[in-house]
Amino acid sequence: MTKTSITIPTALFEEAKDISDNFSALATEAIGDYIRRKKVEKALKSRGMWADRKKKSTDIVNELRSEDGRTYAKRSD
């Protein structure tokens, strides 16, 4: 856990305190929801970006996984 300090409008803080007994839990949940939404937005924006590629996704992944293409995790027999 990390303890931090934030500045928010007083009215927003008061309303949040009225809704929840635990402001930290409320803020944690809200930030988690925000992050999930942003990840979904990012994924939706990237949809179709690879439509013009010449290779299929499976071919690209298989090339990346091939032994010849590995330089970061060499295996020994």
PDB file of N, CA and C in Angstrom:
ATOM      1  N   MET A   1       0.831  -1.182   0.000  1.00  0.00           N
ATOM      2  CA  MET A   1       0.000   0.000   0.000  1.00  0.00           C
ATOM      3  C   MET A   1       0.874   1.243   0.000  1.00  0.00           C
ATOM      4  N   THR A   2       0.385   2.265  -0.652  1.00  0.00           N
ATOM      5  CA  THR A   2       1.070   3.547  -0.683  1.00  0.00           C
ATOM      6  C   THR A   2       0.152   4.609  -0.107  1.00  0.00           C
ATOM      7  N   LYS A   3       0.694   5.405   0.750  1.00  0.00           N
ATOM      8  CA  LYS A   3      -0.065   6.519   1.306  1.00  0.00           C
ATOM      9  C   LYS A   3       0.306   7.756   0.507  1.00  0.00           C
ATOM     10  N   THR A   4      -0.721   8.522   0.102  1.00  0.00           N
ATOM     11  CA  THR A   4      -0.466   9.708  -0.711  1.00  0.00           C
ATOM     12  C   THR A   4      -1.410  10.831  -0.305  1.00  0.00           C
ATOM     13  N   SER A   5      -1.144  11.984  -0.805  1.00  0.00           N
ATOM     14  CA  SER A   5      -1.980  13.147  -0.537  1.00  0.00           C
ATOM     15  C   SER A   5      -2.497  13.677  -1.869  1.00  0.00           C
ATOM     16  N   ILE A   6      -3.787  13.972  -1.940  1.00  0.00           N
ATOM     17  CA  ILE A   6      -4.367  14.523  -3.167  1.00  0.00           C
ATOM     18  C   ILE A   6      -5.172  15.773  -2.820  1.00  0.00           C
ATOM     19  N   THR A   7      -5.378  16.602  -3.796  1.00  0.00           N
ATOM     20  CA  THR A   7      -6.198  17.795  -3.623  1.00  0.00           C
ATOM     21  C   THR A   7      -7.423  17.660  -4.509  1.00  0.00           C
ATOM     22  N   ILE A   8      -8.599  17.708  -3.878  1.00  0.00           N
ATOM     23  CA  ILE A   8      -9.866  17.641  -4.610  1.00  0.00           C
ATOM     24  C   ILE A   8     -10.782  18.739  -4.088  1.00  0.00           C
ATOM     25  N   PRO A   9     -11.760  19.129  -4.884  1.00  0.00           N
ATOM     26  CA  PRO A   9     -12.697  20.153  -4.413  1.00  0.00           C
ATOM     27  C   PRO A   9     -13.412  19.716  -3.127  1.00  0.00           C
ATOM     28  N   THR A  10     -13.594  20.639  -2.217  1.00  0.00           N
ATOM     29  CA  THR A  10     -14.211  20.346  -0.928  1.00  0.00           C
ATOM     30  C   THR A  10     -15.599  19.723  -1.098  1.00  0.00           C
ATOM     31  N   ALA A  11     -16.398  20.266  -1.992  1.00  0.00           N
ATOM     32  CA  ALA A  11     -17.759  19.746  -2.181  1.00  0.00           C
ATOM     33  C   ALA A  11     -17.732  18.285  -2.624  1.00  0.00           C
ATOM     34  N   LEU A  12     -16.796  17.941  -3.492  1.00  0.00           N
ATOM     35  CA  LEU A  12     -16.672  16.557  -3.955  1.00  0.00           C
ATOM     36  C   LEU A  12     -16.254  15.647  -2.807  1.00  0.00           C
ATOM     37  N   PHE A  13     -15.309  16.094  -1.994  1.00  0.00           N
ATOM     38  CA  PHE A  13     -14.864  15.318  -0.838  1.00  0.00           C
ATOM     39  C   PHE A  13     -16.006  15.106   0.153  1.00  0.00           C
ATOM     40  N   GLU A  14     -16.753  16.157   0.445  1.00  0.00           N
ATOM     41  CA  GLU A  14     -17.870  16.046   1.386  1.00  0.00           C
ATOM     42  C   GLU A  14     -18.925  15.068   0.875  1.00  0.00           C
ATOM     43  N   GLU A  15     -19.223  15.144  -0.409  1.00  0.00           N
ATOM     44  CA  GLU A  15     -20.205  14.216  -0.988  1.00  0.00           C
ATOM     45  C   GLU A  15     -19.700  12.783  -0.915  1.00  0.00           C
ATOM     46  N   ALA A  16     -18.415  12.590  -1.179  1.00  0.00           N
ATOM     47  CA  ALA A  16     -17.829  11.246  -1.103  1.00  0.00           C
ATOM     48  C   ALA A  16     -17.893  10.718   0.324  1.00  0.00           C
ATOM     49  N   LYS A  17     -17.609  11.550   1.303  1.00  0.00           N
ATOM     50  CA  LYS A  17     -17.690  11.130   2.707  1.00  0.00           C
ATOM     51  C   LYS A  17     -19.115  10.767   3.099  1.00  0.00           C
ATOM     52  N   ASP A  18     -20.107  11.467   2.529  1.00  0.00           N
ATOM     53  CA  ASP A  18     -21.506  11.153   2.820  1.00  0.00           C
ATOM     54  C   ASP A  18     -21.899   9.790   2.254  1.00  0.00           C
ATOM     55  N   ILE A  19     -21.288   9.419   1.135  1.00  0.00           N
ATOM     56  CA  ILE A  19     -21.615   8.156   0.468  1.00  0.00           C
ATOM     57  C   ILE A  19     -20.907   6.977   1.121  1.00  0.00           C
ATOM     58  N   SER A  20     -19.688   7.185   1.589  1.00  0.00           N
ATOM     59  CA  SER A  20     -18.875   6.076   2.078  1.00  0.00           C
ATOM     60  C   SER A  20     -18.247   6.404   3.423  1.00  0.00           C
ATOM     61  N   ASP A  21     -18.173   5.395   4.282  1.00  0.00           N
ATOM     62  CA  ASP A  21     -17.486   5.560   5.572  1.00  0.00           C
ATOM     63  C   ASP A  21     -15.973   5.525   5.394  1.00  0.00           C
ATOM     64  N   ASN A  22     -15.516   4.934   4.283  1.00  0.00           N
ATOM     65  CA  ASN A  22     -14.090   4.738   4.066  1.00  0.00           C
ATOM     66  C   ASN A  22     -13.683   5.437   2.766  1.00  0.00           C
ATOM     67  N   PHE A  23     -13.179   6.661   2.891  1.00  0.00           N
ATOM     68  CA  PHE A  23     -12.815   7.446   1.712  1.00  0.00           C
ATOM     69  C   PHE A  23     -11.714   6.757   0.908  1.00  0.00           C
ATOM     70  N   SER A  24     -10.755   6.154   1.586  1.00  0.00           N
ATOM     71  CA  SER A  24      -9.658   5.478   0.875  1.00  0.00           C
ATOM     72  C   SER A  24     -10.186   4.340   0.012  1.00  0.00           C
ATOM     73  N   ALA A  25     -11.121   3.561   0.546  1.00  0.00           N
ATOM     74  CA  ALA A  25     -11.696   2.458  -0.235  1.00  0.00           C
ATOM     75  C   ALA A  25     -12.480   3.003  -1.423  1.00  0.00           C
ATOM     76  N   LEU A  26     -13.215   4.085  -1.211  1.00  0.00           N
ATOM     77  CA  LEU A  26     -13.968   4.705  -2.300  1.00  0.00           C
ATOM     78  C   LEU A  26     -13.031   5.219  -3.391  1.00  0.00           C
ATOM     79  N   ALA A  27     -11.970   5.904  -2.993  1.00  0.00           N
ATOM     80  CA  ALA A  27     -11.004   6.426  -3.964  1.00  0.00           C
ATOM     81  C   ALA A  27     -10.318   5.281  -4.709  1.00  0.00           C
ATOM     82  N   THR A  28      -9.959   4.223  -3.997  1.00  0.00           N
ATOM     83  CA  THR A  28      -9.317   3.059  -4.620  1.00  0.00           C
ATOM     84  C   THR A  28     -10.242   2.429  -5.653  1.00  0.00           C
ATOM     85  N   GLU A  29     -11.501   2.256  -5.308  1.00  0.00           N
ATOM     86  CA  GLU A  29     -12.468   1.678  -6.244  1.00  0.00           C
ATOM     87  C   GLU A  29     -12.662   2.581  -7.463  1.00  0.00           C
ATOM     88  N   ALA A  30     -12.765   3.880  -7.221  1.00  0.00           N
ATOM     89  CA  ALA A  30     -12.962   4.826  -8.325  1.00  0.00           C
ATOM     90  C   ALA A  30     -11.754   4.841  -9.263  1.00  0.00           C
ATOM     91  N   ILE A  31     -10.564   4.822  -8.708  1.00  0.00           N
ATOM     92  CA  ILE A  31      -9.359   4.811  -9.546  1.00  0.00           C
ATOM     93  C   ILE A  31      -9.275   3.506 -10.325  1.00  0.00           C
ATOM     94  N   GLY A  32      -9.604   2.387  -9.688  1.00  0.00           N
ATOM     95  CA  GLY A  32      -9.619   1.100 -10.382  1.00  0.00           C
ATOM     96  C   GLY A  32     -10.595   1.096 -11.539  1.00  0.00           C
ATOM     97  N   ASP A  33     -11.789   1.644 -11.317  1.00  0.00           N
ATOM     98  CA  ASP A  33     -12.790   1.738 -12.391  1.00  0.00           C
ATOM     99  C   ASP A  33     -12.281   2.625 -13.531  1.00  0.00           C
ATOM    100  N   TYR A  34     -11.641   3.726 -13.189  1.00  0.00           N
ATOM    101  CA  TYR A  34     -11.104   4.642 -14.190  1.00  0.00           C
ATOM    102  C   TYR A  34     -10.042   3.952 -15.044  1.00  0.00           C
ATOM    103  N   ILE A  35      -9.151   3.234 -14.399  1.00  0.00           N
ATOM    104  CA  ILE A  35      -8.089   2.526 -15.116  1.00  0.00           C
ATOM    105  C   ILE A  35      -8.684   1.478 -16.052  1.00  0.00           C
ATOM    106  N   ARG A  36      -9.667   0.712 -15.586  1.00  0.00           N
ATOM    107  CA  ARG A  36     -10.320  -0.290 -16.439  1.00  0.00           C
ATOM    108  C   ARG A  36     -10.968   0.367 -17.657  1.00  0.00           C
ATOM    109  N   ARG A  37     -11.659   1.491 -17.461  1.00  0.00           N
ATOM    110  CA  ARG A  37     -12.282   2.194 -18.588  1.00  0.00           C
ATOM    111  C   ARG A  37     -11.247   2.658 -19.598  1.00  0.00           C
ATOM    112  N   LYS A  38     -10.135   3.202 -19.104  1.00  0.00           N
ATOM    113  CA  LYS A  38      -9.083   3.680 -19.995  1.00  0.00           C
ATOM    114  C   LYS A  38      -8.468   2.535 -20.792  1.00  0.00           C
ATOM    115  N   LYS A  39      -8.302   1.373 -20.171  1.00  0.00           N
ATOM    116  CA  LYS A  39      -7.758   0.208 -20.878  1.00  0.00           C
ATOM    117  C   LYS A  39      -8.709  -0.248 -21.975  1.00  0.00           C
ATOM    118  N   VAL A  40     -10.008  -0.236 -21.682  1.00  0.00           N
ATOM    119  CA  VAL A  40     -11.004  -0.618 -22.687  1.00  0.00           C
ATOM    120  C   VAL A  40     -10.983   0.385 -23.835  1.00  0.00           C
ATOM    121  N   GLU A  41     -10.936   1.682 -23.516  1.00  0.00           N
ATOM    122  CA  GLU A  41     -10.868   2.716 -24.553  1.00  0.00           C
ATOM    123  C   GLU A  41      -9.637   2.518 -25.444  1.00  0.00           C
ATOM    124  N   LYS A  42      -8.502   2.216 -24.823  1.00  0.00           N
ATOM    125  CA  LYS A  42      -7.269   2.001 -25.576  1.00  0.00           C
ATOM    126  C   LYS A  42      -7.411   0.791 -26.496  1.00  0.00           C
ATOM    127  N   ALA A  43      -8.001  -0.280 -25.982  1.00  0.00           N
ATOM    128  CA  ALA A  43      -8.183  -1.480 -26.796  1.00  0.00           C
ATOM    129  C   ALA A  43      -9.128  -1.206 -27.959  1.00  0.00           C
ATOM    130  N   LEU A  44     -10.201  -0.463 -27.701  1.00  0.00           N
ATOM    131  CA  LEU A  44     -11.151  -0.158 -28.768  1.00  0.00           C
ATOM    132  C   LEU A  44     -10.531   0.746 -29.831  1.00  0.00           C
ATOM    133  N   LYS A  45      -9.687   1.667 -29.411  1.00  0.00           N
ATOM    134  CA  LYS A  45      -9.022   2.553 -30.374  1.00  0.00           C
ATOM    135  C   LYS A  45      -8.069   1.780 -31.277  1.00  0.00           C
ATOM    136  N   SER A  46      -7.469   0.726 -30.736  1.00  0.00           N
ATOM    137  CA  SER A  46      -6.500  -0.032 -31.528  1.00  0.00           C
ATOM    138  C   SER A  46      -7.171  -1.030 -32.458  1.00  0.00           C
ATOM    139  N   ARG A  47      -8.451  -1.226 -32.291  1.00  0.00           N
ATOM    140  CA  ARG A  47      -9.177  -2.188 -33.122  1.00  0.00           C
ATOM    141  C   ARG A  47      -9.092  -1.777 -34.595  1.00  0.00           C
ATOM    142  N   GLY A  48      -8.651  -2.701 -35.417  1.00  0.00           N
ATOM    143  CA  GLY A  48      -8.563  -2.447 -36.840  1.00  0.00           C
ATOM    144  C   GLY A  48      -7.270  -1.794 -37.285  1.00  0.00           C
ATOM    145  N   MET A  49      -6.412  -1.412 -36.350  1.00  0.00           N
ATOM    146  CA  MET A  49      -5.172  -0.733 -36.717  1.00  0.00           C
ATOM    147  C   MET A  49      -4.242  -1.645 -37.516  1.00  0.00           C
ATOM    148  N   TRP A  50      -4.393  -2.940 -37.321  1.00  0.00           N
ATOM    149  CA  TRP A  50      -3.527  -3.890 -38.016  1.00  0.00           C
ATOM    150  C   TRP A  50      -4.221  -4.482 -39.229  1.00  0.00           C
ATOM    151  N   ALA A  51      -5.311  -3.927 -39.628  1.00  0.00           N
ATOM    152  CA  ALA A  51      -6.103  -4.504 -40.718  1.00  0.00           C
ATOM    153  C   ALA A  51      -5.319  -4.593 -42.025  1.00  0.00           C
ATOM    154  N   ASP A  52      -4.394  -3.690 -42.246  1.00  0.00           N
ATOM    155  CA  ASP A  52      -3.642  -3.671 -43.501  1.00  0.00           C
ATOM    156  C   ASP A  52      -2.363  -4.500 -43.462  1.00  0.00           C
ATOM    157  N   ARG A  53      -2.134  -5.200 -42.374  1.00  0.00           N
ATOM    158  CA  ARG A  53      -0.891  -5.984 -42.301  1.00  0.00           C
ATOM    159  C   ARG A  53      -0.918  -7.139 -43.288  1.00  0.00           C
ATOM    160  N   LYS A  54       0.246  -7.581 -43.684  1.00  0.00           N
ATOM    161  CA  LYS A  54       0.352  -8.626 -44.700  1.00  0.00           C
ATOM    162  C   LYS A  54       0.325 -10.026 -44.101  1.00  0.00           C
ATOM    163  N   LYS A  55       0.598 -10.148 -42.800  1.00  0.00           N
ATOM    164  CA  LYS A  55       0.629 -11.461 -42.153  1.00  0.00           C
ATOM    165  C   LYS A  55      -0.536 -11.586 -41.186  1.00  0.00           C
ATOM    166  N   LYS A  56      -0.936 -12.827 -40.915  1.00  0.00           N
ATOM    167  CA  LYS A  56      -1.972 -13.087 -39.921  1.00  0.00           C
ATOM    168  C   LYS A  56      -1.361 -12.974 -38.522  1.00  0.00           C
ATOM    169  N   SER A  57      -2.185 -12.657 -37.555  1.00  0.00           N
ATOM    170  CA  SER A  57      -1.725 -12.516 -36.174  1.00  0.00           C
ATOM    171  C   SER A  57      -1.027 -13.772 -35.695  1.00  0.00           C
ATOM    172  N   THR A  58      -1.587 -14.931 -36.024  1.00  0.00           N
ATOM    173  CA  THR A  58      -0.990 -16.186 -35.564  1.00  0.00           C
ATOM    174  C   THR A  58       0.404 -16.376 -36.141  1.00  0.00           C
ATOM    175  N   ASP A  59       0.614 -15.959 -37.378  1.00  0.00           N
ATOM    176  CA  ASP A  59       1.940 -16.078 -37.987  1.00  0.00           C
ATOM    177  C   ASP A  59       2.944 -15.163 -37.276  1.00  0.00           C
ATOM    178  N   ILE A  60       2.509 -13.964 -36.945  1.00  0.00           N
ATOM    179  CA  ILE A  60       3.389 -13.014 -36.246  1.00  0.00           C
ATOM    180  C   ILE A  60       3.780 -13.568 -34.881  1.00  0.00           C
ATOM    181  N   VAL A  61       2.787 -14.075 -34.149  1.00  0.00           N
ATOM    182  CA  VAL A  61       3.051 -14.626 -32.816  1.00  0.00           C
ATOM    183  C   VAL A  61       3.965 -15.835 -32.922  1.00  0.00           C
ATOM    184  N   ASN A  62       3.711 -16.710 -33.870  1.00  0.00           N
ATOM    185  CA  ASN A  62       4.559 -17.894 -34.028  1.00  0.00           C
ATOM    186  C   ASN A  62       5.992 -17.512 -34.363  1.00  0.00           C
ATOM    187  N   GLU A  63       6.188 -16.482 -35.168  1.00  0.00           N
ATOM    188  CA  GLU A  63       7.536 -16.007 -35.472  1.00  0.00           C
ATOM    189  C   GLU A  63       8.225 -15.475 -34.214  1.00  0.00           C
ATOM    190  N   LEU A  64       7.480 -14.734 -33.412  1.00  0.00           N
ATOM    191  CA  LEU A  64       8.051 -14.198 -32.178  1.00  0.00           C
ATOM    192  C   LEU A  64       8.423 -15.314 -31.204  1.00  0.00           C
ATOM    193  N   ARG A  65       7.649 -16.390 -31.238  1.00  0.00           N
ATOM    194  CA  ARG A  65       7.892 -17.513 -30.333  1.00  0.00           C
ATOM    195  C   ARG A  65       8.917 -18.504 -30.862  1.00  0.00           C
ATOM    196  N   SER A  66       9.304 -18.376 -32.097  1.00  0.00           N
ATOM    197  CA  SER A  66      10.232 -19.341 -32.681  1.00  0.00           C
ATOM    198  C   SER A  66      11.587 -19.262 -31.990  1.00  0.00           C
ATOM    199  N   GLU A  67      12.276 -20.376 -31.958  1.00  0.00           N
ATOM    200  CA  GLU A  67      13.579 -20.436 -31.302  1.00  0.00           C
ATOM    201  C   GLU A  67      14.576 -19.479 -31.945  1.00  0.00           C
ATOM    202  N   ASP A  68      14.538 -19.324 -33.256  1.00  0.00           N
ATOM    203  CA  ASP A  68      15.471 -18.427 -33.938  1.00  0.00           C
ATOM    204  C   ASP A  68      15.253 -16.974 -33.539  1.00  0.00           C
ATOM    205  N   GLY A  69      14.011 -16.616 -33.242  1.00  0.00           N
ATOM    206  CA  GLY A  69      13.694 -15.239 -32.915  1.00  0.00           C
ATOM    207  C   GLY A  69      13.957 -14.879 -31.469  1.00  0.00           C
ATOM    208  N   ARG A  70      14.270 -15.859 -30.639  1.00  0.00           N
ATOM    209  CA  ARG A  70      14.466 -15.588 -29.200  1.00  0.00           C
ATOM    210  C   ARG A  70      15.890 -15.156 -28.923  1.00  0.00           C
ATOM    211  N   THR A  71      16.016 -14.016 -28.312  1.00  0.00           N
ATOM    212  CA  THR A  71      17.331 -13.556 -27.870  1.00  0.00           C
ATOM    213  C   THR A  71      17.316 -13.262 -26.383  1.00  0.00           C
ATOM    214  N   TYR A  72      16.160 -13.321 -25.768  1.00  0.00           N
ATOM    215  CA  TYR A  72      16.032 -12.937 -24.380  1.00  0.00           C
ATOM    216  C   TYR A  72      15.921 -14.109 -23.431  1.00  0.00           C
ATOM    217  N   ALA A  73      15.626 -15.290 -23.926  1.00  0.00           N
ATOM    218  CA  ALA A  73      15.443 -16.447 -23.046  1.00  0.00           C
ATOM    219  C   ALA A  73      15.996 -17.690 -23.718  1.00  0.00           C
ATOM    220  N   LYS A  74      17.270 -17.735 -23.890  1.00  0.00           N
ATOM    221  CA  LYS A  74      17.881 -18.884 -24.556  1.00  0.00           C
ATOM    222  C   LYS A  74      17.725 -20.116 -23.671  1.00  0.00           C
ATOM    223  N   ARG A  75      17.400 -21.214 -24.302  1.00  0.00           N
ATOM    224  CA  ARG A  75      17.229 -22.467 -23.575  1.00  0.00           C
ATOM    225  C   ARG A  75      18.446 -23.348 -23.791  1.00  0.00           C
ATOM    226  N   SER A  76      18.770 -24.091 -22.776  1.00  0.00           N
ATOM    227  CA  SER A  76      19.859 -25.061 -22.953  1.00  0.00           C
ATOM    228  C   SER A  76      19.278 -26.461 -22.898  1.00  0.00           C
ATOM    229  N   ASP A  77      19.924 -27.363 -23.612  1.00  0.00           N
ATOM    230  CA  ASP A  77      19.431 -28.747 -23.656  1.00  0.00           C
ATOM    231  C   ASP A  77      19.923 -29.545 -22.490  1.00  0.00           C
TER     232      ASP A  77
END
